[in-house]
Amino acid sequence: MSKIKDQMERDHEREMEQYISFMEWVCDQNLEVSEAVTKEEEEDSLKPSTPRTLIVPANTLKAANNINYNPNRSIR
């Protein structure tokens, strides 16, 4: 019975060492990711703050300038 108990304790210790090693690796990975995100944020802060959106001229919304304009069309 003591052999089994000793083996279980050794197995448990080995599993805990593996778990700790894995968690240290995970923490290192998270640190690398957070450093990369910080660098990206710094790069983004150097970019112009204006959004790159397409601004549609107001006259394209009028029926005379837009052949697809149909005020009676139902939206589904």
N, C-alpha and C. Protein backbone atom coordinates (compact mmCIF):
# COMPACT_ATOMS: atom_id res chain seq x y z
N MET A 1 0.83 -1.20 0.00
CA MET A 1 0.00 0.00 0.00
C MET A 1 0.87 1.26 0.00
N SER A 2 1.98 1.22 0.73
CA SER A 2 2.84 2.40 0.80
C SER A 2 3.51 2.66 -0.56
N LYS A 3 3.76 1.60 -1.35
CA LYS A 3 4.35 1.79 -2.68
C LYS A 3 3.39 2.58 -3.57
N ILE A 4 2.15 2.23 -3.48
CA ILE A 4 1.14 2.92 -4.29
C ILE A 4 1.04 4.37 -3.86
N LYS A 5 1.04 4.57 -2.56
CA LYS A 5 0.94 5.93 -2.04
C LYS A 5 2.16 6.76 -2.45
N ASP A 6 3.35 6.19 -2.36
CA ASP A 6 4.57 6.89 -2.77
C ASP A 6 4.53 7.22 -4.27
N GLN A 7 4.07 6.26 -5.05
CA GLN A 7 3.98 6.49 -6.50
C GLN A 7 2.99 7.61 -6.81
N MET A 8 1.88 7.62 -6.11
CA MET A 8 0.88 8.67 -6.31
C MET A 8 1.46 10.04 -5.94
N GLU A 9 2.23 10.10 -4.87
CA GLU A 9 2.84 11.36 -4.46
C GLU A 9 3.85 11.83 -5.50
N ARG A 10 4.66 10.92 -6.02
CA ARG A 10 5.63 11.29 -7.06
C ARG A 10 4.92 11.77 -8.32
N ASP A 11 3.86 11.06 -8.67
CA ASP A 11 3.08 11.47 -9.85
C ASP A 11 2.49 12.87 -9.65
N HIS A 12 1.98 13.08 -8.45
CA HIS A 12 1.38 14.39 -8.15
C HIS A 12 2.44 15.49 -8.23
N GLU A 13 3.60 15.25 -7.66
CA GLU A 13 4.68 16.24 -7.70
C GLU A 13 5.12 16.53 -9.14
N ARG A 14 5.22 15.49 -9.94
CA ARG A 14 5.60 15.67 -11.34
C ARG A 14 4.54 16.48 -12.10
N GLU A 15 3.28 16.15 -11.83
CA GLU A 15 2.20 16.89 -12.48
C GLU A 15 2.21 18.36 -12.07
N MET A 16 2.48 18.63 -10.81
CA MET A 16 2.52 20.01 -10.34
C MET A 16 3.69 20.75 -10.98
N GLU A 17 4.84 20.10 -11.10
CA GLU A 17 5.98 20.73 -11.77
C GLU A 17 5.66 21.05 -13.22
N GLN A 18 4.99 20.13 -13.89
CA GLN A 18 4.61 20.36 -15.28
C GLN A 18 3.60 21.50 -15.37
N TYR A 19 2.66 21.53 -14.44
CA TYR A 19 1.65 22.58 -14.43
C TYR A 19 2.31 23.95 -14.22
N ILE A 20 3.21 24.03 -13.26
CA ILE A 20 3.90 25.29 -12.97
C ILE A 20 4.72 25.73 -14.18
N SER A 21 5.41 24.79 -14.79
CA SER A 21 6.19 25.11 -15.98
C SER A 21 5.30 25.63 -17.10
N PHE A 22 4.17 24.98 -17.28
CA PHE A 22 3.23 25.41 -18.32
C PHE A 22 2.68 26.81 -18.02
N MET A 23 2.31 27.06 -16.77
CA MET A 23 1.76 28.36 -16.42
C MET A 23 2.80 29.47 -16.59
N GLU A 24 4.06 29.17 -16.29
CA GLU A 24 5.12 30.16 -16.52
C GLU A 24 5.23 30.46 -18.01
N TRP A 25 5.12 29.43 -18.83
CA TRP A 25 5.18 29.62 -20.28
C TRP A 25 4.00 30.48 -20.75
N VAL A 26 2.81 30.19 -20.21
CA VAL A 26 1.62 30.96 -20.59
C VAL A 26 1.80 32.43 -20.21
N CYS A 27 2.32 32.67 -19.02
CA CYS A 27 2.53 34.05 -18.59
C CYS A 27 3.52 34.76 -19.50
N ASP A 28 4.57 34.04 -19.91
CA ASP A 28 5.54 34.63 -20.84
C ASP A 28 4.88 34.97 -22.17
N GLN A 29 3.99 34.10 -22.64
CA GLN A 29 3.29 34.36 -23.89
C GLN A 29 2.40 35.58 -23.76
N ASN A 30 1.69 35.69 -22.65
CA ASN A 30 0.81 36.85 -22.42
C ASN A 30 1.62 38.13 -22.37
N LEU A 31 2.82 38.07 -21.78
CA LEU A 31 3.67 39.24 -21.71
C LEU A 31 4.11 39.66 -23.10
N GLU A 32 4.48 38.69 -23.93
CA GLU A 32 4.88 39.00 -25.30
C GLU A 32 3.73 39.62 -26.08
N VAL A 33 2.52 39.09 -25.90
CA VAL A 33 1.35 39.62 -26.60
C VAL A 33 1.06 41.04 -26.13
N SER A 34 1.12 41.27 -24.82
CA SER A 34 0.82 42.61 -24.32
C SER A 34 1.88 43.62 -24.78
N GLU A 35 3.14 43.18 -24.89
CA GLU A 35 4.16 44.08 -25.41
C GLU A 35 3.91 44.40 -26.87
N ALA A 36 3.47 43.40 -27.64
CA ALA A 36 3.17 43.63 -29.05
C ALA A 36 1.98 44.58 -29.20
N VAL A 37 0.98 44.41 -28.35
CA VAL A 37 -0.19 45.29 -28.40
C VAL A 37 0.23 46.72 -28.06
N THR A 38 1.10 46.87 -27.08
CA THR A 38 1.57 48.20 -26.70
C THR A 38 2.31 48.85 -27.86
N LYS A 39 3.13 48.08 -28.56
CA LYS A 39 3.84 48.63 -29.71
C LYS A 39 2.86 49.04 -30.80
N GLU A 40 1.83 48.22 -31.04
CA GLU A 40 0.83 48.57 -32.05
C GLU A 40 0.08 49.84 -31.66
N GLU A 41 -0.23 49.97 -30.37
CA GLU A 41 -0.92 51.17 -29.92
C GLU A 41 -0.05 52.41 -30.13
N GLU A 42 1.27 52.26 -29.88
CA GLU A 42 2.17 53.38 -30.10
C GLU A 42 2.22 53.74 -31.58
N GLU A 43 2.25 52.72 -32.44
CA GLU A 43 2.27 52.97 -33.88
C GLU A 43 0.97 53.62 -34.32
N ASP A 44 -0.15 53.16 -33.75
CA ASP A 44 -1.45 53.74 -34.10
C ASP A 44 -1.53 55.20 -33.66
N SER A 45 -0.90 55.52 -32.55
CA SER A 45 -0.98 56.90 -32.07
C SER A 45 -0.20 57.84 -32.98
N LEU A 46 0.74 57.29 -33.75
CA LEU A 46 1.51 58.11 -34.67
C LEU A 46 0.78 58.35 -35.99
N LYS A 47 -0.23 57.55 -36.25
CA LYS A 47 -1.00 57.69 -37.49
C LYS A 47 -1.96 58.86 -37.36
N PRO A 48 -2.39 59.43 -38.48
CA PRO A 48 -3.37 60.52 -38.40
C PRO A 48 -4.67 60.05 -37.77
N SER A 49 -5.28 60.94 -37.03
CA SER A 49 -6.48 60.57 -36.29
C SER A 49 -7.76 60.63 -37.13
N THR A 50 -7.65 61.10 -38.35
CA THR A 50 -8.86 61.19 -39.17
C THR A 50 -9.26 59.82 -39.67
N PRO A 51 -10.54 59.50 -39.58
CA PRO A 51 -10.99 58.19 -40.06
C PRO A 51 -10.96 58.13 -41.58
N ARG A 52 -10.73 56.96 -42.08
CA ARG A 52 -10.69 56.79 -43.53
C ARG A 52 -12.03 56.24 -44.01
N THR A 53 -13.01 57.09 -43.96
CA THR A 53 -14.34 56.69 -44.40
C THR A 53 -14.67 57.42 -45.69
N LEU A 54 -15.49 56.79 -46.47
CA LEU A 54 -15.93 57.39 -47.72
C LEU A 54 -17.07 58.35 -47.41
N ILE A 55 -16.90 59.58 -47.77
CA ILE A 55 -17.94 60.57 -47.55
C ILE A 55 -18.72 60.71 -48.85
N VAL A 56 -20.00 60.42 -48.77
CA VAL A 56 -20.86 60.47 -49.94
C VAL A 56 -21.39 61.89 -50.09
N PRO A 57 -21.26 62.44 -51.27
CA PRO A 57 -21.82 63.78 -51.49
C PRO A 57 -23.33 63.78 -51.26
N ALA A 58 -23.83 64.86 -50.71
CA ALA A 58 -25.24 64.95 -50.35
C ALA A 58 -26.15 64.82 -51.56
N ASN A 59 -25.70 65.27 -52.73
CA ASN A 59 -26.59 65.25 -53.89
C ASN A 59 -26.80 63.83 -54.43
N THR A 60 -26.03 62.84 -54.00
CA THR A 60 -26.26 61.47 -54.46
C THR A 60 -27.49 60.86 -53.80
N LEU A 61 -27.97 61.51 -52.76
CA LEU A 61 -29.13 60.99 -52.06
C LEU A 61 -30.44 61.47 -52.66
N LYS A 62 -30.36 62.38 -53.57
CA LYS A 62 -31.57 62.90 -54.20
C LYS A 62 -31.97 62.02 -55.38
N ALA A 63 -33.23 61.96 -55.66
CA ALA A 63 -33.75 61.10 -56.72
C ALA A 63 -33.20 61.48 -58.09
N ALA A 64 -32.99 62.76 -58.33
CA ALA A 64 -32.53 63.21 -59.65
C ALA A 64 -31.11 62.74 -59.94
N ASN A 65 -30.33 62.50 -58.92
CA ASN A 65 -28.93 62.13 -59.11
C ASN A 65 -28.65 60.65 -58.83
N ASN A 66 -29.67 59.93 -58.42
CA ASN A 66 -29.45 58.53 -58.05
C ASN A 66 -30.52 57.68 -58.73
N ILE A 67 -30.13 56.89 -59.72
CA ILE A 67 -31.11 56.10 -60.46
C ILE A 67 -31.67 54.96 -59.62
N ASN A 68 -31.02 54.60 -58.53
CA ASN A 68 -31.52 53.52 -57.66
C ASN A 68 -32.43 54.02 -56.55
N TYR A 69 -32.67 55.31 -56.52
CA TYR A 69 -33.52 55.89 -55.47
C TYR A 69 -34.97 55.55 -55.74
N ASN A 70 -35.62 54.95 -54.76
CA ASN A 70 -37.03 54.61 -54.88
C ASN A 70 -37.67 54.77 -53.50
N PRO A 71 -38.35 55.86 -53.27
CA PRO A 71 -38.91 56.11 -51.93
C PRO A 71 -40.03 55.14 -51.57
N ASN A 72 -40.61 54.47 -52.57
CA ASN A 72 -41.72 53.55 -52.29
C ASN A 72 -41.24 52.10 -52.05
N ARG A 73 -39.95 51.87 -52.18
CA ARG A 73 -39.41 50.53 -52.01
C ARG A 73 -39.48 50.14 -50.52
N SER A 74 -39.93 48.94 -50.29
CA SER A 74 -39.99 48.47 -48.90
C SER A 74 -38.66 47.83 -48.54
N ILE A 75 -38.25 48.08 -47.34
CA ILE A 75 -36.98 47.53 -46.85
C ILE A 75 -37.31 46.26 -46.08
N ARG A 76 -36.65 45.20 -46.47
CA ARG A 76 -36.93 43.91 -45.82
C ARG A 76 -35.85 43.54 -44.88
